[in-house]
């Protein structure tokens, strides 16, 4: 695959090669090992942990040393419409800039440039075998630095923690690690791993139109793609306009220019309203057919007012698009397509890996609930809130993950009935880093990067974890969580999970700063 946005890499690569030739020829081979076009060749180069990330290609050249030493290359899904991964920007050491790419034009990015990349010396450290080659942090040393931070009153009345070495899978530190608490949006890590396991990283969700036999009845069949868009610029998503183009063409080929129109949402079962209710701007009705997540503005992430009838509104937009293309329709009504209906046209979502990344980076609740139902469909469970929870548990059990105390009431973590442990969250991250499970890598690459992307773009100001911590946030009233990965000063890739709860609720900003300090401490601590 030729990636269109490799100018930064190509500009920087000659400088890196010159440095390598003056120090050690093997760096040239290592640089070639992480060259972006070889991402598609991941099957030929066995991944150790994860694909080069924003940490490695923007603010974390020390992390790149670890990657170079381990020759890490994975395929974690396609590139976005700008030619770059949603959570992975071009290399900050490109000529003419001290920092990295401007993230401001991408949804969920901070718009700030990363700090200057470290010197070549820190990159070359990994070639000597010292980065990540020494002993892992010890439990006592971790307890000495994390214990006082966990005692911070700003974290509330309950707090649990776990730290795991991803190279070995060994837990290095735990505090109440087996105690289940409300995880809030860190639930999305479990949803991501379950969906990727059940349906596969390359799975695409189809939205289609069919024509009932011996009639002029067209049915718009929803497949559960929340990223289906009616906007002119589809930005790589499945387009309702494209579906209208192809449907109109197929009908005209049949000499038909007037039809009755119905829409089918039968793939999903049970209530379509999340338990938090309709007045919440965090999630739309969960239905198998919607356009632009039912948003009533032009946003693509974050909170927004939603239509009360996402399926009906999507069908009405489709009817208008057909009319613009010379096909007259009736007002659309709900109806289930029959097995005898003939295909007219189909559009498909980006691969599941890309949906997982978008979900994690922006903490997208609509995608999360859709992925829970896609997991249910793939696992043979009812595509409902309950069926999704059952299917998520079933998939995680297949992976041998520690499920004691875990409860899955939804896919997004908005439901307070969800319960997870720090042990389970770190085990999920370790499984996603396992070379035996490259299909799960998007559960790591989609994690927000501290200070730069998604829900962490506005956090970590001035903290040492900036650009080095990748983590999923979780926030409900009285609940704050953080789970992700970080590379310590010795090059060890660690997974961590910190869960807190408090009644009465703590002050959110202070609690989040307390969690950020914990992750930053892991980034700066060799802890021997």
Protein backbone atom coordinates (compact mmCIF):
# COMPACT_ATOMS: atom_id res chain seq x y z
CA UNK A 1 0.00 0.00 0.00
CA UNK A 2 1.38 3.40 -0.94
CA UNK A 3 0.46 5.91 1.75
CA UNK A 4 -0.02 9.43 0.29
CA UNK A 5 1.21 11.36 3.34
CA UNK A 6 4.78 10.15 3.73
CA UNK A 7 6.53 13.43 2.98
CA UNK A 8 7.57 13.96 6.58
CA UNK A 9 9.03 10.48 6.78
CA UNK A 10 10.88 10.83 3.49
CA UNK A 11 12.25 14.19 4.55
CA UNK A 12 13.48 12.89 7.87
CA UNK A 13 14.76 9.49 6.78
CA UNK A 14 17.99 10.63 5.03
CA UNK A 15 19.11 12.43 8.20
CA UNK A 16 18.44 9.37 10.33
CA UNK A 17 20.29 7.15 7.86
CA UNK A 18 23.34 9.47 7.87
CA UNK A 19 23.44 9.34 11.67
CA UNK A 20 23.07 5.59 11.60
CA UNK A 21 25.91 5.09 9.14
CA UNK A 22 28.22 7.10 11.36
CA UNK A 23 27.30 5.11 14.45
CA UNK A 24 26.02 1.69 13.53
CA UNK A 25 24.91 0.29 10.16
CA UNK A 26 22.18 -1.83 11.68
CA UNK A 27 20.05 1.27 12.35
CA UNK A 28 19.45 1.50 8.63
CA UNK A 29 17.86 -1.93 8.69
CA UNK A 30 15.86 -1.02 11.77
CA UNK A 31 14.57 2.19 10.18
CA UNK A 32 13.52 0.16 7.15
CA UNK A 33 11.70 -2.20 9.54
CA UNK A 34 9.42 0.56 10.76
CA UNK A 35 9.02 2.40 7.46
CA UNK A 36 5.25 3.01 7.10
CA UNK A 37 4.73 1.21 3.76
CA UNK A 38 5.74 -2.01 5.50
CA UNK A 39 2.80 -1.72 7.88
CA UNK A 40 0.85 -3.73 5.32
CA UNK A 41 3.48 -6.44 5.55
CA UNK A 42 2.84 -7.03 9.22
CA UNK A 43 2.07 -10.64 8.63
CA UNK A 44 5.65 -11.16 7.52
CA UNK A 45 7.19 -9.31 10.46
CA UNK A 46 5.89 -10.66 13.74
CA UNK A 47 4.77 -7.84 16.05
CA UNK A 48 6.13 -7.66 19.57
CA UNK A 49 3.78 -5.11 21.08
CA UNK A 50 2.27 -2.44 18.84
CA UNK A 51 2.68 -0.39 15.71
CA UNK A 52 4.85 2.77 15.85
CA UNK A 53 2.63 5.29 17.55
CA UNK A 54 2.33 9.00 18.13
CA UNK A 55 4.63 8.41 21.09
CA UNK A 56 7.24 6.90 18.81
CA UNK A 57 6.81 9.13 15.76
CA UNK A 58 6.18 12.49 17.46
CA UNK A 59 7.36 13.14 20.98
CA UNK A 60 8.90 9.84 21.96
CA UNK A 61 12.04 8.96 20.08
CA UNK A 62 13.16 7.01 23.12
CA UNK A 63 10.15 4.81 22.53
CA UNK A 64 11.24 4.51 18.91
CA UNK A 65 14.48 3.07 20.25
CA UNK A 66 12.46 0.29 21.84
CA UNK A 67 10.54 -0.21 18.63
CA UNK A 68 13.70 -0.25 16.52
CA UNK A 69 15.34 -2.74 18.84
CA UNK A 70 12.32 -5.02 18.66
CA UNK A 71 11.51 -4.39 14.96
CA UNK A 72 7.88 -3.81 15.75
CA UNK A 73 5.54 -3.64 12.76
CA UNK A 74 1.83 -4.38 12.81
CA UNK A 75 -1.22 -3.83 10.66
CA UNK A 76 -3.85 -2.11 12.78
CA UNK A 77 -6.24 -0.96 10.11
CA UNK A 78 -6.34 1.57 7.27
CA UNK A 79 -5.10 5.12 7.04
CA UNK A 80 -7.57 7.95 7.44
CA UNK A 81 -8.61 10.46 4.78
CA UNK A 82 -5.57 12.66 5.42
CA UNK A 83 -3.24 9.75 4.69
CA UNK A 84 -2.36 9.31 8.35
CA UNK A 85 -3.72 7.20 11.15
CA UNK A 86 -6.27 8.91 13.36
CA UNK A 87 -4.10 8.47 16.42
CA UNK A 88 -0.73 8.49 14.64
CA UNK A 89 0.84 11.58 13.06
CA UNK A 90 3.90 11.96 10.93
CA UNK A 91 7.27 12.02 12.58
CA UNK A 92 8.06 15.12 14.64
CA UNK A 93 11.70 15.11 13.63
CA UNK A 94 10.88 16.07 10.04
CA UNK A 95 13.18 18.75 8.66
CA UNK A 96 12.26 22.35 9.27
CA UNK A 97 10.19 21.78 12.42
CA UNK A 98 11.11 21.23 16.02
CA UNK A 99 7.90 19.48 16.84
CA UNK A 100 5.39 17.36 15.02
CA UNK A 101 2.42 17.75 12.72
CA UNK A 102 -0.41 20.14 13.45
CA UNK A 103 -3.32 18.10 14.71
CA UNK A 104 -5.82 20.89 14.73
CA UNK A 105 -7.60 19.95 11.50
CA UNK A 106 -8.38 16.45 12.71
CA UNK A 107 -11.35 15.80 14.97
CA UNK A 108 -10.20 15.09 18.50
CA UNK A 109 -6.73 16.58 18.12
CA UNK A 110 -5.31 19.35 20.28
CA UNK A 111 -3.82 21.53 17.54
CA UNK A 112 -0.60 21.81 19.55
CA UNK A 113 2.79 20.73 18.26
CA UNK A 114 4.56 18.06 20.30
CA UNK A 115 7.78 18.86 22.14
CA UNK A 116 10.96 18.50 20.08
CA UNK A 117 11.99 14.92 19.53
CA UNK A 118 14.99 13.69 21.56
CA UNK A 119 18.40 13.53 19.93
CA UNK A 120 19.58 10.61 17.83
CA UNK A 121 21.57 9.34 20.78
CA UNK A 122 18.42 8.37 22.63
CA UNK A 123 17.11 6.62 19.53
CA UNK A 124 20.32 4.69 19.17
CA UNK A 125 20.25 3.55 22.79
CA UNK A 126 17.92 0.73 21.85
CA UNK A 127 20.45 -0.73 19.42
CA UNK A 128 22.85 -1.39 22.26
CA UNK A 129 20.27 -3.55 23.93
CA UNK A 130 19.94 -1.43 27.05
CA UNK A 131 16.47 -0.02 26.38
CA UNK A 132 13.98 -2.40 27.94
CA UNK A 133 16.66 -5.05 28.38
CA UNK A 134 17.21 -4.60 32.10
CA UNK A 135 15.05 -5.77 34.98
CA UNK A 136 11.43 -4.68 35.08
CA UNK A 137 10.32 -2.19 37.75
CA UNK A 138 9.93 -3.87 41.12
CA UNK A 139 6.74 -4.04 43.14
CA UNK A 140 8.35 -2.33 46.13
CA UNK A 141 9.75 0.53 44.05
CA UNK A 142 6.41 1.02 42.32
CA UNK A 143 4.60 0.95 45.65
CA UNK A 144 6.98 3.58 47.00
CA UNK A 145 6.15 6.05 44.20
CA UNK A 146 2.52 5.13 43.42
CA UNK A 147 1.31 4.57 46.98
CA UNK A 148 1.49 8.23 48.09
CA UNK A 149 -0.15 9.35 44.85
CA UNK A 150 -2.99 6.86 45.29
CA UNK A 151 -3.52 8.23 48.81
CA UNK A 152 -4.32 11.63 47.30
CA UNK A 153 -7.68 12.71 48.76
CA UNK A 154 -8.64 14.16 45.36
CA UNK A 155 -9.03 10.60 44.05
CA UNK A 156 -12.01 9.99 46.32
CA UNK A 157 -13.01 7.23 48.70
CA UNK A 158 -12.25 4.20 46.53
CA UNK A 159 -9.28 3.59 44.30
CA UNK A 160 -7.72 0.52 42.68
CA UNK A 161 -4.63 0.10 40.53
CA UNK A 162 -2.62 -2.39 38.50
CA UNK A 163 0.60 -2.14 36.48
CA UNK A 164 1.73 -4.90 34.09
CA UNK A 165 4.89 -5.42 32.05
CA UNK A 166 3.61 -5.98 28.51
CA UNK A 167 6.76 -7.83 27.45
CA UNK A 168 6.12 -10.58 29.99
CA UNK A 169 2.48 -10.15 30.99
CA UNK A 170 3.57 -10.11 34.63
CA UNK A 171 1.75 -7.85 37.08
CA UNK A 172 4.30 -5.58 38.69
CA UNK A 173 2.01 -3.73 41.07
CA UNK A 174 -1.53 -4.02 42.38
CA UNK A 175 -3.76 -2.22 44.85
CA UNK A 176 -7.24 -3.73 45.08
CA UNK A 177 -6.57 -4.92 41.53
CA UNK A 178 -9.26 -7.62 41.75
CA UNK A 179 -11.94 -5.31 43.15
CA UNK A 180 -14.62 -4.40 40.61
CA UNK A 181 -15.57 -0.73 40.30
CA UNK A 182 -17.54 1.29 37.78
CA UNK A 183 -15.11 1.71 34.87
CA UNK A 184 -16.99 4.47 32.99
CA UNK A 185 -15.62 4.77 29.45
CA UNK A 186 -12.64 2.46 30.00
CA UNK A 187 -15.35 -0.16 29.32
CA UNK A 188 -14.70 0.68 25.67
CA UNK A 189 -11.39 -1.20 25.85
CA UNK A 190 -13.33 -4.38 26.63
CA UNK A 191 -15.83 -3.60 23.88
CA UNK A 192 -12.99 -3.07 21.41
CA UNK A 193 -11.24 -6.34 22.22
CA UNK A 194 -14.51 -8.30 22.14
CA UNK A 195 -15.63 -6.83 18.80
CA UNK A 196 -12.25 -7.39 17.15
CA UNK A 197 -12.24 -10.97 18.43
CA UNK A 198 -15.80 -11.76 17.35
CA UNK A 199 -16.07 -9.99 14.00
CA UNK A 200 -12.44 -9.44 12.98
CA UNK A 201 -10.37 -6.31 12.36
CA UNK A 202 -11.24 -6.24 8.65
CA UNK A 203 -15.00 -6.57 9.06
CA UNK A 204 -17.03 -3.79 7.43
CA UNK A 205 -20.65 -2.98 8.28
CA UNK A 206 -22.94 -2.89 5.25
CA UNK A 207 -25.90 -0.60 4.59
CA UNK A 208 -27.86 -1.72 1.54
CA UNK A 209 -30.94 -1.29 -0.58
CA UNK A 210 -33.04 -4.15 -1.92
CA UNK A 211 -36.00 -4.45 -4.27
CA UNK A 212 -38.86 -6.71 -3.32
CA UNK A 213 -39.75 -9.17 -6.12
CA UNK A 214 -42.55 -8.36 -8.53
CA UNK A 215 -42.96 -4.90 -7.05
CA UNK A 216 -41.55 -1.41 -7.02
CA UNK A 217 -40.88 -1.50 -3.30
CA UNK A 218 -37.36 -0.48 -2.25
CA UNK A 219 -36.16 -1.21 1.29
CA UNK A 220 -33.25 0.62 2.92
CA UNK A 221 -31.70 -2.01 5.19
CA UNK A 222 -29.65 -0.84 8.16
CA UNK A 223 -26.64 -2.92 9.14
CA UNK A 224 -25.73 -1.01 12.29
CA UNK A 225 -23.14 1.42 10.91
CA UNK A 226 -23.21 4.55 13.13
CA UNK A 227 -20.66 6.28 10.90
CA UNK A 228 -22.89 6.19 7.82
CA UNK A 229 -23.00 9.79 6.62
CA UNK A 230 -25.31 11.96 4.55
CA UNK A 231 -22.74 14.76 4.31
CA UNK A 232 -21.13 15.76 1.01
CA UNK A 233 -17.67 14.91 2.28
CA UNK A 234 -17.88 11.35 3.55
CA UNK A 235 -14.29 11.51 4.89
CA UNK A 236 -13.79 7.80 4.27
CA UNK A 237 -17.09 6.71 5.82
CA UNK A 238 -19.92 4.93 4.06
CA UNK A 239 -21.94 7.53 2.16
CA UNK A 240 -25.72 7.70 1.96
CA UNK A 241 -25.20 9.80 -1.18
CA UNK A 242 -23.17 7.06 -2.82
CA UNK A 243 -25.86 4.55 -1.88
CA UNK A 244 -28.45 6.83 -3.49
CA UNK A 245 -26.30 7.14 -6.64
CA UNK A 246 -25.97 3.40 -7.04
CA UNK A 247 -29.58 2.68 -6.11
CA UNK A 248 -30.90 5.24 -8.62
CA UNK A 249 -28.65 3.79 -11.31
CA UNK A 250 -29.84 0.25 -10.61
CA UNK A 251 -33.49 1.34 -10.71
CA UNK A 252 -33.06 3.25 -13.96
CA UNK A 253 -31.42 0.16 -15.46
CA UNK A 254 -34.72 -1.55 -14.67
CA UNK A 255 -36.63 1.31 -16.31
CA UNK A 256 -38.03 2.34 -12.92
CA UNK A 257 -38.23 5.94 -11.76
CA UNK A 258 -40.94 5.75 -9.08
CA UNK A 259 -40.93 3.48 -6.03
CA UNK A 260 -42.33 3.04 -2.56
CA UNK A 261 -39.65 3.30 0.10
CA UNK A 262 -39.34 1.48 3.42
CA UNK A 263 -36.55 1.13 5.95
CA UNK A 264 -35.53 -1.96 7.91
CA UNK A 265 -34.02 -1.77 11.41
CA UNK A 266 -34.76 -5.37 12.38
CA UNK A 267 -31.12 -6.36 12.92
CA UNK A 268 -31.26 -4.87 16.43
CA UNK A 269 -33.56 -6.06 19.20
CA UNK A 270 -34.86 -4.73 22.49
CA UNK A 271 -35.02 -1.13 23.71
CA UNK A 272 -33.17 1.42 21.60
CA UNK A 273 -32.89 4.02 24.39
CA UNK A 274 -29.82 3.78 26.60
CA UNK A 275 -30.64 3.51 30.33
CA UNK A 276 -29.29 7.04 30.89
CA UNK A 277 -32.32 8.32 28.93
CA UNK A 278 -33.03 10.47 25.90
CA UNK A 279 -32.18 13.79 27.53
CA UNK A 280 -28.47 12.93 27.51
CA UNK A 281 -26.37 14.38 24.65
CA UNK A 282 -23.74 11.63 24.89
CA UNK A 283 -25.50 8.98 22.81
CA UNK A 284 -28.33 8.64 20.30
CA UNK A 285 -30.98 5.95 20.16
CA UNK A 286 -29.20 2.69 19.40
CA UNK A 287 -30.66 1.63 16.07
CA UNK A 288 -29.45 -0.37 13.09
CA UNK A 289 -29.99 2.62 10.79
CA UNK A 290 -28.78 6.16 11.41
CA UNK A 291 -26.85 8.85 9.60
CA UNK A 292 -24.08 10.87 11.25
CA UNK A 293 -24.91 9.34 14.64
CA UNK A 294 -28.22 11.19 14.60
CA UNK A 295 -26.40 14.47 15.31
CA UNK A 296 -28.32 17.68 14.69
CA UNK A 297 -25.16 19.72 14.06
CA UNK A 298 -22.04 19.25 11.94
CA UNK A 299 -19.91 17.70 14.69
CA UNK A 300 -18.41 14.22 14.42
CA UNK A 301 -17.37 13.70 18.04
CA UNK A 302 -18.27 14.84 21.52
CA UNK A 303 -21.69 15.70 22.84
CA UNK A 304 -24.48 16.94 20.56
CA UNK A 305 -28.23 17.17 20.41
CA UNK A 306 -29.63 14.11 18.65
CA UNK A 307 -32.71 13.40 16.59
CA UNK A 308 -35.41 11.45 18.39
CA UNK A 309 -35.94 9.32 15.26
CA UNK A 310 -32.52 8.54 13.77
CA UNK A 311 -33.74 5.70 11.53
CA UNK A 312 -36.72 7.61 10.14
CA UNK A 313 -34.61 10.73 9.59
CA UNK A 314 -31.92 8.75 7.75
CA UNK A 315 -34.59 7.19 5.53
CA UNK A 316 -36.10 10.63 4.81
CA UNK A 317 -32.66 11.96 3.82
CA UNK A 318 -32.25 8.95 1.55
CA UNK A 319 -35.63 9.61 -0.07
CA UNK A 320 -34.61 13.21 -0.75
CA UNK A 321 -31.32 12.02 -2.27
CA UNK A 322 -33.18 9.62 -4.57
CA UNK A 323 -35.50 12.42 -5.63
CA UNK A 324 -32.48 14.57 -6.53
CA UNK A 325 -31.36 11.68 -8.74
CA UNK A 326 -34.64 11.36 -10.61
CA UNK A 327 -36.33 8.68 -8.51
CA UNK A 328 -39.69 9.57 -6.96
CA UNK A 329 -40.52 7.86 -3.66
CA UNK A 330 -43.29 7.71 -1.14
CA UNK A 331 -42.65 8.89 2.39
CA UNK A 332 -40.54 6.10 3.95
CA UNK A 333 -42.14 3.80 6.51
CA UNK A 334 -40.64 0.99 8.64
CA UNK A 335 -40.84 -2.49 7.12
CA UNK A 336 -38.68 -5.62 7.18
CA UNK A 337 -37.11 -6.76 3.92
CA UNK A 338 -37.99 -10.30 2.85
CA UNK A 339 -35.48 -13.03 2.07
CA UNK A 340 -36.60 -12.90 -1.57
CA UNK A 341 -35.64 -9.25 -2.07
CA UNK A 342 -32.96 -8.62 -4.69
CA UNK A 343 -29.89 -6.49 -4.02
CA UNK A 344 -29.73 -3.04 -5.58
CA UNK A 345 -26.74 -1.34 -3.95
CA UNK A 346 -24.43 -1.57 -0.91
CA UNK A 347 -22.03 0.75 0.90
CA UNK A 348 -19.69 -0.39 3.67
CA UNK A 349 -18.16 1.22 6.73
CA UNK A 350 -14.42 1.55 7.29
CA UNK A 351 -12.90 -1.65 8.74
CA UNK A 352 -13.73 -2.49 12.32
CA UNK A 353 -10.16 -1.63 13.32
CA UNK A 354 -10.73 1.96 12.19
CA UNK A 355 -14.06 2.15 14.03
CA UNK A 356 -12.36 0.86 17.18
CA UNK A 357 -9.68 3.53 16.92
CA UNK A 358 -12.22 6.30 16.42
CA UNK A 359 -14.28 4.99 19.33
CA UNK A 360 -11.30 4.93 21.69
CA UNK A 361 -9.68 8.20 20.60
CA UNK A 362 -12.87 10.26 20.86
CA UNK A 363 -14.67 8.07 23.44
CA UNK A 364 -17.51 7.73 20.93
CA UNK A 365 -20.52 6.19 22.69
CA UNK A 366 -22.55 5.63 19.52
CA UNK A 367 -19.77 3.56 17.96
CA UNK A 368 -19.29 1.70 21.24
CA UNK A 369 -22.94 0.64 21.43
CA UNK A 370 -22.87 -0.33 17.76
CA UNK A 371 -19.75 -2.45 18.28
CA UNK A 372 -21.37 -4.21 21.25
CA UNK A 373 -24.25 -5.20 18.96
CA UNK A 374 -21.91 -6.20 16.14
CA UNK A 375 -20.22 -8.44 18.69
CA UNK A 376 -23.61 -9.92 19.58
CA UNK A 377 -24.48 -10.56 15.93
CA UNK A 378 -21.13 -12.27 15.30
CA UNK A 379 -21.47 -14.33 18.49
CA UNK A 380 -25.04 -15.45 17.79
CA UNK A 381 -26.55 -13.42 20.62
CA UNK A 382 -29.52 -11.02 20.40
CA UNK A 383 -28.35 -7.60 19.20
CA UNK A 384 -29.58 -5.75 22.28
CA UNK A 385 -28.07 -4.16 25.38
CA UNK A 386 -28.31 -7.47 27.23
CA UNK A 387 -27.18 -9.56 24.27
CA UNK A 388 -24.23 -7.25 23.68
CA UNK A 389 -23.10 -7.62 27.28
CA UNK A 390 -23.44 -11.41 27.07
CA UNK A 391 -21.47 -11.49 23.83
CA UNK A 392 -18.67 -9.29 25.21
CA UNK A 393 -18.26 -11.60 28.20
CA UNK A 394 -18.30 -14.65 25.93
CA UNK A 395 -15.51 -13.28 23.73
CA UNK A 396 -13.32 -12.20 26.64
CA UNK A 397 -13.77 -15.60 28.26
CA UNK A 398 -12.46 -17.20 25.04
CA UNK A 399 -9.31 -15.12 25.46
CA UNK A 400 -8.81 -16.43 28.99
CA UNK A 401 -9.13 -13.02 30.64
CA UNK A 402 -9.87 -12.55 34.37
CA UNK A 403 -13.63 -11.89 34.49
CA UNK A 404 -14.33 -12.30 38.20
CA UNK A 405 -16.58 -9.45 39.32
CA UNK A 406 -16.97 -8.06 35.80
CA UNK A 407 -20.38 -6.89 34.59
CA UNK A 408 -21.20 -5.65 31.09
CA UNK A 409 -24.44 -3.68 30.92
CA UNK A 410 -23.60 -1.77 27.75
CA UNK A 411 -20.73 -1.20 25.31
CA UNK A 412 -19.92 2.41 26.17
CA UNK A 413 -19.54 2.49 29.94
CA UNK A 414 -22.31 5.06 30.39
CA UNK A 415 -24.27 2.56 32.47
CA UNK A 416 -23.20 2.53 36.11
CA UNK A 417 -24.09 -1.17 36.25
CA UNK A 418 -20.85 -1.88 34.38
CA UNK A 419 -18.14 -3.25 36.66
CA UNK A 420 -14.51 -3.98 35.77
CA UNK A 421 -11.31 -4.62 37.68
CA UNK A 422 -7.88 -3.09 37.22
CA UNK A 423 -6.65 -6.64 36.63
CA UNK A 424 -9.07 -7.10 33.72
CA UNK A 425 -8.25 -3.76 32.10
CA UNK A 426 -4.49 -4.40 32.17
CA UNK A 427 -5.09 -7.97 30.94
CA UNK A 428 -7.09 -6.57 28.00
CA UNK A 429 -4.21 -4.27 27.09
CA UNK A 430 -1.70 -7.10 27.47
CA UNK A 431 -3.78 -9.32 25.20
CA UNK A 432 -3.93 -6.54 22.59
CA UNK A 433 -0.11 -6.36 22.75
CA UNK A 434 0.33 -10.12 22.44
CA UNK A 435 2.15 -11.11 19.21
CA UNK A 436 -0.33 -13.97 18.92
CA UNK A 437 -3.22 -11.49 18.54
CA UNK A 438 -2.32 -8.89 15.89
CA UNK A 439 -6.03 -8.56 15.13
CA UNK A 440 -6.41 -6.74 18.47
CA UNK A 441 -3.74 -4.10 17.88
CA UNK A 442 -6.28 -1.32 17.21
CA UNK A 443 -7.22 -1.51 20.89
CA UNK A 444 -3.77 -0.01 21.55
CA UNK A 445 -3.27 2.28 18.56
CA UNK A 446 -6.62 3.97 19.15
CA UNK A 447 -5.79 5.05 22.70
CA UNK A 448 -5.61 8.86 23.07
CA UNK A 449 -2.11 10.33 23.40
CA UNK A 450 -1.51 12.55 26.43
CA UNK A 451 -1.57 16.21 25.46
CA UNK A 452 -2.29 15.61 21.79
CA UNK A 453 -5.23 13.47 20.75
CA UNK A 454 -8.84 12.77 21.59
CA UNK A 455 -9.98 12.91 25.20
CA UNK A 456 -6.41 13.48 26.44
CA UNK A 457 -5.74 16.46 24.16
CA UNK A 458 -6.58 18.93 26.93
CA UNK A 459 -4.82 17.10 29.74
CA UNK A 460 -1.23 16.62 30.93
CA UNK A 461 -0.25 20.28 30.40
CA UNK A 462 3.34 20.56 31.60
CA UNK A 463 3.42 17.01 32.95
CA UNK A 464 6.20 14.59 31.97
CA UNK A 465 3.68 12.10 30.63
CA UNK A 466 2.83 14.40 27.71
CA UNK A 467 3.30 12.50 24.46
CA UNK A 468 4.37 9.37 26.34
CA UNK A 469 1.15 8.17 27.93
CA UNK A 470 -1.54 6.56 25.75
CA UNK A 471 -4.72 5.94 27.70
CA UNK A 472 -8.49 5.62 27.67
CA UNK A 473 -10.25 7.99 29.99
CA UNK A 474 -13.42 7.32 31.93
CA UNK A 475 -15.66 9.93 33.54
CA UNK A 476 -19.03 9.77 35.25
CA UNK A 477 -20.21 11.82 38.20
CA UNK A 478 -18.13 10.49 41.10
CA UNK A 479 -16.22 8.05 38.85
CA UNK A 480 -12.86 8.72 37.18
CA UNK A 481 -10.68 6.09 35.52
CA UNK A 482 -7.59 5.89 33.32
CA UNK A 483 -6.17 2.80 31.60
CA UNK A 484 -3.50 2.54 28.95
CA UNK A 485 0.18 2.12 28.16
CA UNK A 486 3.40 3.99 28.84
CA UNK A 487 7.11 3.43 28.23
CA UNK A 488 9.27 4.02 31.31
CA UNK A 489 12.75 5.52 31.32
CA UNK A 490 14.32 2.09 30.84
CA UNK A 491 12.22 1.34 27.77
CA UNK A 492 9.78 -1.09 29.37
CA UNK A 493 6.30 -0.92 27.86
CA UNK A 494 3.86 -1.00 30.76
CA UNK A 495 0.10 -1.30 30.92
CA UNK A 496 -1.71 0.42 33.77
CA UNK A 497 -5.23 0.86 35.08
CA UNK A 498 -6.36 3.28 37.76
CA UNK A 499 -10.02 3.29 38.87
CA UNK A 500 -11.50 5.69 41.41
CA UNK A 501 -14.95 6.36 42.82
CA UNK A 502 -16.27 8.73 45.43
CA UNK A 503 -19.55 9.53 47.16
CA UNK A 504 -19.93 12.45 47.46
CA UNK A 505 -18.19 13.14 44.13
CA UNK A 506 -14.74 14.69 44.08
CA UNK A 507 -13.86 17.78 42.07
CA UNK A 508 -13.34 16.39 38.52
CA UNK A 509 -10.32 18.45 37.47
CA UNK A 510 -8.41 17.63 40.65
CA UNK A 511 -9.21 13.92 40.30
CA UNK A 512 -8.11 13.84 36.67
CA UNK A 513 -4.86 15.59 37.56
CA UNK A 514 -4.30 12.96 40.24
CA UNK A 515 -4.76 10.17 37.69
CA UNK A 516 -2.52 11.92 35.19
CA UNK A 517 0.20 12.23 37.85
CA UNK A 518 0.09 8.47 38.40
CA UNK A 519 0.62 7.72 34.70
CA UNK A 520 3.29 10.42 34.38
CA UNK A 521 5.15 8.88 37.31
CA UNK A 522 5.31 5.57 35.46
CA UNK A 523 6.79 7.38 32.46
CA UNK A 524 9.60 8.91 34.51
CA UNK A 525 10.30 6.08 36.93
CA UNK A 526 12.75 3.26 36.38
CA UNK A 527 11.55 2.03 39.79
CA UNK A 528 14.26 -0.51 40.54
